[in-house]
Amino acid sequence: MVFELTTALSGALVVNYEQVDFRDSPIIDRIAQVAAMMEAHDWEVPPIIREVLRKAAEAGRPVGLG
C-alpha cells in the first residue's frame, strides 16, 4: 500500500511542483526512503518515482538510489 501511495504522490509532484519545491520539500526524503525499500526487496522502482528523484537532484537536492 505504501508503494502504491508513493507512486500516486510522485505523479502529482511531477505535475505540480516547481524546482524550489523539489529542493525544499520533506516529502522528497520520504519518497527516496520508499524507493530504497523497494530496491531492498528487489522490486522495480516505478519510472514516476525515479522522475521525482531526478528532478530533485537537478534542483540541487542530494538524493539517490543505491
Protein backbone atom coordinates (compact mmCIF):
# COMPACT_ATOMS: atom_id res chain seq x y z
CA MET A 1 0.00 0.00 0.00
CA VAL A 2 2.83 2.41 0.82
CA PHE A 3 4.39 1.77 -2.57
CA GLU A 4 1.14 2.50 -4.41
CA LEU A 5 0.56 5.70 -2.45
CA THR A 6 4.12 6.85 -3.12
CA THR A 7 3.69 6.22 -6.82
CA ALA A 8 0.47 8.25 -6.91
CA LEU A 9 2.00 11.07 -4.86
CA SER A 10 5.04 11.14 -7.15
CA GLY A 11 2.79 11.61 -10.15
CA ALA A 12 1.18 14.63 -8.52
CA LEU A 13 4.56 16.12 -7.60
CA VAL A 14 5.92 15.83 -11.14
CA VAL A 15 2.91 17.76 -12.44
CA ASN A 16 2.53 20.36 -9.69
CA TYR A 17 5.94 21.02 -8.11
CA GLU A 18 8.25 23.84 -9.13
CA GLN A 19 12.04 23.49 -8.93
CA VAL A 20 12.20 25.14 -5.50
CA ASP A 21 9.60 22.66 -4.19
CA PHE A 22 11.78 19.73 -5.24
CA ARG A 23 14.71 21.30 -3.42
CA ASP A 24 12.91 22.13 -0.16
CA SER A 25 10.11 19.59 0.36
CA PRO A 26 10.48 16.99 3.11
CA ILE A 27 8.26 14.70 1.05
CA ILE A 28 11.20 14.06 -1.27
CA ASP A 29 13.09 12.37 1.59
CA ARG A 30 10.17 10.02 2.23
CA ILE A 31 9.89 9.16 -1.45
CA ALA A 32 13.61 8.37 -1.53
CA GLN A 33 13.18 6.11 1.52
CA VAL A 34 10.33 4.22 -0.13
CA ALA A 35 12.40 3.84 -3.31
CA ALA A 36 15.26 2.43 -1.22
CA MET A 37 12.87 -0.04 0.44
CA MET A 38 11.60 -1.15 -2.96
CA GLU A 39 15.15 -1.74 -4.16
CA ALA A 40 15.97 -3.62 -0.96
CA HIS A 41 13.12 -6.02 -1.81
CA ASP A 42 14.37 -6.33 -5.40
CA TRP A 43 11.26 -4.56 -6.70
CA GLU A 44 11.46 -2.22 -9.64
CA VAL A 45 11.13 1.43 -8.69
CA PRO A 46 8.40 2.91 -10.92
CA PRO A 47 9.56 5.45 -13.50
CA ILE A 48 7.47 8.23 -11.94
CA ILE A 49 9.29 7.84 -8.61
CA ARG A 50 12.63 7.91 -10.41
CA GLU A 51 11.45 11.06 -12.21
CA VAL A 52 10.71 12.80 -8.89
CA LEU A 53 14.15 11.87 -7.56
CA ARG A 54 15.81 13.01 -10.81
CA LYS A 55 14.01 16.37 -10.68
CA ALA A 56 15.00 16.78 -7.02
CA ALA A 57 18.65 16.07 -7.87
CA GLU A 58 18.51 18.53 -10.78
CA ALA A 59 17.12 21.14 -8.36
CA GLY A 60 20.20 20.66 -6.18
CA ARG A 61 18.83 18.29 -3.59
CA PRO A 62 21.14 15.40 -2.66
CA VAL A 63 19.13 12.23 -3.30
CA GLY A 64 19.96 8.91 -4.85
CA LEU A 65 19.19 5.28 -5.22
CA GLY A 66 21.65 2.61 -4.26
